[in-house]
N, C-alpha and C. Protein backbone atom coordinates (compact mmCIF):
# COMPACT_ATOMS: atom_id res chain seq x y z
N UNK A 1 0.63 -0.97 -0.08
CA UNK A 1 0.06 -0.18 0.43
C UNK A 1 1.38 1.34 0.12
N UNK A 2 1.78 1.40 1.06
CA UNK A 2 3.14 1.89 0.50
C UNK A 2 3.57 2.63 -0.43
N UNK A 3 3.81 1.66 -1.53
CA UNK A 3 4.72 1.96 -2.52
C UNK A 3 3.50 2.21 -3.24
N UNK A 4 2.27 1.74 -3.52
CA UNK A 4 1.66 2.41 -4.30
C UNK A 4 1.26 4.07 -4.12
N UNK A 5 1.17 4.87 -2.85
CA UNK A 5 1.46 5.84 -2.28
C UNK A 5 2.50 6.89 -2.91
N UNK A 6 3.77 6.06 -2.43
CA UNK A 6 4.85 6.54 -3.06
C UNK A 6 4.86 6.67 -4.49
N UNK A 7 4.30 5.78 -5.29
CA UNK A 7 4.07 5.61 -6.91
C UNK A 7 3.14 6.61 -7.18
N UNK A 8 2.18 7.44 -6.62
CA UNK A 8 1.07 8.24 -7.30
C UNK A 8 1.44 9.67 -6.62
N UNK A 9 2.39 9.25 -5.45
CA UNK A 9 2.70 10.94 -5.30
C UNK A 9 3.67 11.80 -6.23
N UNK A 10 4.62 10.58 -6.72
CA UNK A 10 5.99 11.00 -7.85
C UNK A 10 5.61 10.59 -8.95
N UNK A 11 4.45 10.05 -9.49
CA UNK A 11 3.35 10.39 -10.51
C UNK A 11 3.26 11.96 -10.63
N UNK A 12 2.30 12.24 -9.42
CA UNK A 12 1.64 13.14 -9.42
C UNK A 12 2.80 14.71 -9.44
N UNK A 13 3.53 14.77 -8.76
CA UNK A 13 4.79 15.13 -8.87
C UNK A 13 5.49 15.33 -10.79
N UNK A 14 5.66 14.18 -11.09
CA UNK A 14 6.33 14.43 -12.18
C UNK A 14 5.01 15.41 -13.08
N UNK A 15 4.20 14.71 -13.08
CA UNK A 15 2.52 15.67 -13.85
C UNK A 15 2.73 17.21 -13.82
N UNK A 16 2.87 17.61 -12.10
CA UNK A 16 2.63 18.63 -11.85
C UNK A 16 3.94 19.85 -12.59
N UNK A 17 4.86 18.86 -12.19
CA UNK A 17 6.09 19.50 -12.83
C UNK A 17 6.32 19.87 -13.96
N UNK A 18 5.64 18.67 -14.90
CA UNK A 18 5.83 18.65 -16.55
C UNK A 18 4.74 20.06 -17.07
N UNK A 19 3.81 20.16 -16.34
CA UNK A 19 2.56 21.15 -16.32
C UNK A 19 3.20 21.93 -16.37
N UNK A 20 3.92 22.58 -15.11
CA UNK A 20 4.49 23.54 -14.41
C UNK A 20 5.59 24.14 -16.17
N UNK A 21 6.62 23.53 -16.69
CA UNK A 21 7.50 23.87 -17.41
C UNK A 21 6.63 24.42 -19.09
N UNK A 22 5.68 22.99 -19.09
CA UNK A 22 4.86 23.70 -20.49
C UNK A 22 4.05 25.29 -19.78
N UNK A 23 3.87 25.35 -18.77
CA UNK A 23 3.27 27.17 -18.84
C UNK A 23 4.30 27.67 -18.62
N UNK A 24 5.30 27.63 -18.00
CA UNK A 24 6.61 28.45 -18.50
C UNK A 24 6.36 28.90 -19.86
N UNK A 25 7.17 27.71 -20.70
CA UNK A 25 7.03 28.09 -22.08
C UNK A 25 5.92 28.74 -22.30
N UNK A 26 4.83 28.21 -22.25
CA UNK A 26 3.82 29.42 -22.86
C UNK A 26 3.62 30.76 -22.97
N UNK A 27 4.09 31.23 -21.89
CA UNK A 27 4.05 32.87 -20.77
C UNK A 27 5.21 32.98 -21.82
N UNK A 28 6.40 32.51 -21.44
CA UNK A 28 7.48 33.21 -22.85
C UNK A 28 6.84 33.11 -24.38
N UNK A 29 6.29 32.63 -24.66
CA UNK A 29 5.81 32.38 -25.91
C UNK A 29 5.18 34.31 -25.95
N UNK A 30 3.82 33.76 -25.12
CA UNK A 30 3.15 35.16 -24.81
C UNK A 30 3.55 36.20 -25.26
N UNK A 31 4.60 36.35 -23.69
CA UNK A 31 5.21 37.66 -23.96
C UNK A 31 5.98 38.51 -24.95
N UNK A 32 7.00 37.27 -25.68
CA UNK A 32 7.17 37.49 -26.94
C UNK A 32 6.06 38.19 -27.50
N UNK A 33 4.98 37.50 -28.07
CA UNK A 33 4.33 37.96 -28.74
C UNK A 33 3.22 39.82 -28.70
N UNK A 34 3.19 39.45 -27.13
CA UNK A 34 2.81 40.74 -26.49
C UNK A 34 3.50 41.79 -27.04
N UNK A 35 5.10 41.54 -26.76
CA UNK A 35 6.23 42.47 -27.03
C UNK A 35 6.14 42.93 -28.69
N UNK A 36 5.58 41.75 -29.47
CA UNK A 36 5.58 42.22 -31.12
C UNK A 36 4.22 43.35 -31.30
N UNK A 37 3.53 42.68 -30.61
CA UNK A 37 1.98 43.50 -30.47
C UNK A 37 1.97 44.89 -30.18
N UNK A 38 3.15 45.01 -29.35
CA UNK A 38 3.18 46.34 -28.81
C UNK A 38 4.03 47.29 -29.57
N UNK A 39 4.70 46.56 -30.29
CA UNK A 39 5.54 47.14 -31.46
C UNK A 39 5.14 47.56 -32.63
N UNK A 40 4.17 46.60 -32.99
CA UNK A 40 3.44 46.59 -34.08
C UNK A 40 2.21 47.78 -33.91
N UNK A 41 1.44 48.11 -32.79
CA UNK A 41 0.88 49.16 -32.74
C UNK A 41 0.77 50.86 -32.14
N UNK A 42 2.76 50.50 -31.31
CA UNK A 42 3.57 51.73 -31.49
C UNK A 42 3.76 52.20 -32.91
N UNK A 43 4.24 51.57 -34.04
CA UNK A 43 4.11 51.94 -35.88
C UNK A 43 2.84 52.10 -35.92
N UNK A 44 1.47 51.70 -35.67
CA UNK A 44 0.04 52.01 -36.19
C UNK A 44 -0.33 53.29 -35.30
N UNK A 45 0.10 53.19 -34.70
CA UNK A 45 0.23 55.32 -33.81
C UNK A 45 0.75 55.74 -34.65
N UNK A 46 2.15 55.52 -34.68
CA UNK A 46 3.15 56.49 -35.03
C UNK A 46 2.33 56.99 -36.60
N UNK A 47 1.89 56.40 -37.28
CA UNK A 47 1.62 56.43 -38.77
C UNK A 47 0.43 56.88 -38.63
N UNK A 48 -0.62 56.76 -37.92
CA UNK A 48 -1.83 57.43 -37.71
C UNK A 48 -1.91 58.84 -37.07
N UNK A 49 -0.49 59.05 -36.22
CA UNK A 49 -0.49 60.43 -35.70
C UNK A 49 0.02 61.09 -36.84
N UNK A 50 1.13 60.46 -37.87
CA UNK A 50 1.67 61.75 -39.04
C UNK A 50 0.53 61.76 -39.98
N UNK A 51 -0.06 60.60 -39.78
CA UNK A 51 -1.30 60.84 -41.11
C UNK A 51 -2.34 62.02 -40.83
N UNK A 52 -2.78 62.37 -39.48
CA UNK A 52 -3.32 63.48 -39.04
C UNK A 52 -2.89 64.38 -38.66
N UNK A 53 -1.37 65.08 -39.04
CA UNK A 53 -0.70 66.07 -38.40
C UNK A 53 -1.27 66.95 -39.95
N UNK A 54 -1.81 68.07 -39.34
CA UNK A 54 -2.25 69.84 -39.47
C UNK A 54 -1.71 69.68 -40.31
N UNK A 55 -0.07 69.94 -40.49
CA UNK A 55 0.75 70.34 -41.76
C UNK A 55 0.49 69.72 -43.05
N UNK A 56 0.57 68.28 -42.57
CA UNK A 56 0.17 67.18 -43.77
C UNK A 56 -0.64 67.32 -44.28
N UNK A 57 -1.56 67.87 -43.15
CA UNK A 57 -3.24 67.49 -43.51
C UNK A 57 -3.67 68.82 -45.00
N UNK A 58 -3.19 69.96 -44.77
CA UNK A 58 -3.31 70.59 -45.23
C UNK A 58 -2.24 70.91 -46.80
N UNK A 59 -0.96 70.05 -46.76
CA UNK A 59 -0.10 70.11 -47.95
C UNK A 59 -1.14 69.07 -48.79
N UNK A 60 -1.67 68.15 -48.69
CA UNK A 60 -2.55 67.17 -49.33
C UNK A 60 -3.66 68.13 -49.56
N UNK A 61 -4.17 68.72 -49.06
CA UNK A 61 -5.81 69.62 -49.54
C UNK A 61 -4.60 70.77 -50.60
N UNK A 62 -3.88 71.14 -50.22
CA UNK A 62 -3.43 72.23 -51.62
C UNK A 62 -2.56 71.54 -52.58
N UNK A 63 -2.04 70.18 -52.58
CA UNK A 63 -1.95 69.42 -53.54
C UNK A 63 -2.92 69.15 -54.11
N UNK A 64 -3.92 68.72 -54.01
CA UNK A 64 -5.55 68.37 -54.24
C UNK A 64 -6.76 69.66 -55.07
N UNK A 65 -5.56 70.76 -54.87
CA UNK A 65 -6.50 72.07 -55.03
C UNK A 65 -8.00 72.10 -53.73
N UNK A 66 -7.99 71.75 -52.87
CA UNK A 66 -9.07 71.96 -52.08
C UNK A 66 -8.25 73.16 -51.80
N UNK A 67 -9.64 74.09 -50.97
CA UNK A 67 -9.81 75.20 -50.29
C UNK A 67 -10.81 74.89 -49.19
N UNK A 68 -10.35 76.16 -48.10
CA UNK A 68 -10.79 75.69 -47.22
C UNK A 68 -12.09 76.73 -47.30
N UNK A 69 -13.51 76.27 -46.84
CA UNK A 69 -14.65 76.72 -46.81
C UNK A 69 -14.67 77.50 -45.39
N UNK A 70 -14.75 78.70 -45.31
CA UNK A 70 -14.75 79.36 -43.81
C UNK A 70 -16.19 79.71 -43.53
N UNK A 71 -17.37 79.42 -44.51
CA UNK A 71 -18.51 79.48 -43.94
C UNK A 71 -19.20 78.34 -44.64
N UNK A 72 -19.54 77.26 -43.89
CA UNK A 72 -19.66 75.86 -44.65
C UNK A 72 -21.50 76.10 -44.43
N UNK A 73 -21.90 75.22 -45.23
CA UNK A 73 -23.51 75.22 -45.02
C UNK A 73 -23.52 73.29 -45.75
N UNK A 74 -24.14 73.25 -44.27
CA UNK A 74 -23.91 71.53 -43.68
C UNK A 74 -25.69 71.30 -44.19
N UNK A 75 -25.31 70.56 -45.00
CA UNK A 75 -27.48 69.34 -44.91
C UNK A 75 -27.60 68.28 -44.36
N UNK A 76 -28.49 68.14 -43.78
CA UNK A 76 -28.17 67.00 -43.28
C UNK A 76 -29.51 65.83 -43.87
N UNK A 77 -29.10 64.49 -44.09
CA UNK A 77 -29.84 63.33 -44.01
C UNK A 77 -31.22 63.50 -43.08
N UNK A 78 -30.83 63.75 -42.04
CA UNK A 78 -32.62 64.06 -41.39
C UNK A 78 -33.35 65.07 -42.31
N UNK A 79 -33.01 66.22 -42.60
CA UNK A 79 -33.46 67.24 -43.08
C UNK A 79 -34.74 67.35 -44.24
N UNK A 80 -34.29 66.05 -45.23
CA UNK A 80 -35.07 65.52 -46.31
C UNK A 80 -36.31 65.00 -46.61
């Protein structure tokens, strides 16, 4: 009976150790993926902030021949 208990205890310990090692590898992998996602997010934010820069938008408008309407008249779909 004692031998069975010792065997069960050793088997449980090995199983728990195996799960712990597996979880550590998963954590390392997910940490790496998270770092890559943060870097990609920072790059996307940089692109977004550059594209919404007031000076750049004004240059694009000038290149396309757009003019600023100081007195716009808005038409809303709800008025029809």
